[in-house]
């Protein structure tokens, strides 16, 4: 089932990548990265602090709980942006690029957590 989930995630990121305009992405640049990092680190950090406050002995579970709050729902964001016909605007591209980066940060954290547990 894990492989099926990974294939679904890859297809979702590919779908988002099809809608990304590279010239627009160059204009967005560091703003998209900053929004993605803040949008990922803030919820992960808040969930991590809450999980550690609830059970300070289980750090791995706290990291997993934090990583679960990090990703943005890329599929929902893409559908909303398409219906509003703003995918190809600078704001739409900013949202899509930030969501993709945000999901990648959460995946890296979860994969490293799996490596620590194994």
Protein backbone atom coordinates (compact mmCIF):
# COMPACT_ATOMS: atom_id res chain seq x y z
CA UNK A 1 0.00 0.00 0.00
CA UNK A 2 2.93 2.33 0.61
CA UNK A 3 4.06 1.99 -3.00
CA UNK A 4 0.54 2.78 -4.22
CA UNK A 5 0.52 5.94 -2.10
CA UNK A 6 3.92 6.98 -3.44
CA UNK A 7 2.77 6.43 -7.03
CA UNK A 8 -0.31 8.56 -6.35
CA UNK A 9 1.84 11.32 -4.89
CA UNK A 10 4.20 11.24 -7.86
CA UNK A 11 1.26 11.52 -10.26
CA UNK A 12 -0.16 14.43 -8.26
CA UNK A 13 3.15 16.30 -8.35
CA UNK A 14 3.48 15.60 -12.08
CA UNK A 15 -0.03 16.99 -12.60
CA UNK A 16 0.92 20.14 -10.71
CA UNK A 17 4.18 20.35 -12.64
CA UNK A 18 2.30 20.34 -15.92
CA UNK A 19 0.48 23.49 -14.83
CA UNK A 20 3.60 25.33 -13.69
CA UNK A 21 4.87 28.04 -16.03
CA UNK A 22 8.66 28.10 -15.68
CA UNK A 23 8.98 31.75 -16.74
CA UNK A 24 6.42 32.72 -14.10
CA UNK A 25 8.26 30.55 -11.58
CA UNK A 26 11.47 32.50 -12.23
CA UNK A 27 9.59 35.72 -11.43
CA UNK A 28 8.21 34.26 -8.21
CA UNK A 29 11.62 32.95 -7.19
CA UNK A 30 12.49 33.30 -3.54
CA UNK A 31 8.98 34.39 -2.50
CA UNK A 32 7.61 30.95 -3.32
CA UNK A 33 10.41 29.27 -1.42
CA UNK A 34 9.94 31.54 1.61
CA UNK A 35 6.18 30.97 1.66
CA UNK A 36 6.68 27.21 1.34
CA UNK A 37 9.23 27.07 4.13
CA UNK A 38 7.16 29.20 6.51
CA UNK A 39 4.00 27.35 5.51
CA UNK A 40 5.69 24.06 6.26
CA UNK A 41 7.89 24.81 9.26
CA UNK A 42 5.24 26.71 11.22
CA UNK A 43 2.61 23.92 11.36
CA UNK A 44 5.28 21.25 11.82
CA UNK A 45 6.82 23.22 14.68
CA UNK A 46 3.49 23.89 16.40
CA UNK A 47 2.44 20.23 16.16
CA UNK A 48 5.87 19.11 17.35
CA UNK A 49 5.70 21.37 20.41
CA UNK A 50 2.18 20.17 21.25
CA UNK A 51 3.13 16.50 20.82
CA UNK A 52 6.24 16.90 22.99
CA UNK A 53 4.16 18.68 25.64
CA UNK A 54 1.71 15.76 25.68
CA UNK A 55 4.36 13.02 25.77
CA UNK A 56 7.94 14.23 26.24
CA UNK A 57 9.37 10.70 26.19
CA UNK A 58 8.37 9.82 22.63
CA UNK A 59 10.26 12.17 20.29
CA UNK A 60 9.77 10.03 17.16
CA UNK A 61 6.00 10.17 17.51
CA UNK A 62 6.22 13.92 18.05
CA UNK A 63 8.23 14.33 14.83
CA UNK A 64 5.74 12.14 12.95
CA UNK A 65 2.82 14.17 14.29
CA UNK A 66 4.56 17.37 13.24
CA UNK A 67 5.29 16.06 9.77
CA UNK A 68 1.64 15.11 9.30
CA UNK A 69 0.61 18.75 9.72
CA UNK A 70 3.15 20.04 7.19
CA UNK A 71 1.87 19.14 3.72
CA UNK A 72 -0.58 21.27 1.82
CA UNK A 73 -3.36 19.52 -0.07
CA UNK A 74 -2.00 20.00 -3.57
CA UNK A 75 -4.92 18.23 -5.23
CA UNK A 76 -7.52 20.45 -3.61
CA UNK A 77 -5.47 23.59 -4.29
CA UNK A 78 -5.12 22.67 -7.96
CA UNK A 79 -8.84 22.01 -8.36
CA UNK A 80 -9.76 25.31 -6.74
CA UNK A 81 -7.24 27.23 -8.82
CA UNK A 82 -8.46 25.59 -12.03
CA UNK A 83 -12.11 26.31 -11.26
CA UNK A 84 -11.25 29.92 -10.49
CA UNK A 85 -9.15 30.05 -13.69
CA UNK A 86 -6.20 31.54 -11.84
CA UNK A 87 -3.68 28.72 -12.23
CA UNK A 88 -1.64 30.68 -14.78
CA UNK A 89 -1.61 33.95 -12.84
CA UNK A 90 1.36 34.90 -10.65
CA UNK A 91 -0.67 34.23 -7.49
CA UNK A 92 -1.79 30.83 -8.79
CA UNK A 93 1.76 29.86 -9.70
CA UNK A 94 2.96 31.03 -6.30
CA UNK A 95 0.39 28.82 -4.56
CA UNK A 96 1.22 25.79 -6.71
CA UNK A 97 4.98 26.13 -6.32
CA UNK A 98 4.69 26.69 -2.57
CA UNK A 99 2.42 23.65 -2.23
CA UNK A 100 4.83 21.41 -4.16
CA UNK A 101 7.82 22.56 -2.08
CA UNK A 102 5.75 22.21 1.09
CA UNK A 103 4.87 18.61 0.24
CA UNK A 104 8.50 17.81 -0.53
CA UNK A 105 9.65 19.15 2.86
CA UNK A 106 7.11 16.96 4.65
CA UNK A 107 8.12 13.91 2.58
CA UNK A 108 11.78 14.43 3.41
CA UNK A 109 10.96 14.64 7.11
CA UNK A 110 8.80 11.50 6.99
CA UNK A 111 11.38 9.55 4.99
CA UNK A 112 14.12 10.51 7.44
CA UNK A 113 11.87 9.50 10.31
CA UNK A 114 11.43 6.11 8.69
CA UNK A 115 15.19 5.79 8.37
CA UNK A 116 15.64 6.66 12.07
CA UNK A 117 13.06 4.09 13.12
CA UNK A 118 14.44 1.33 10.90
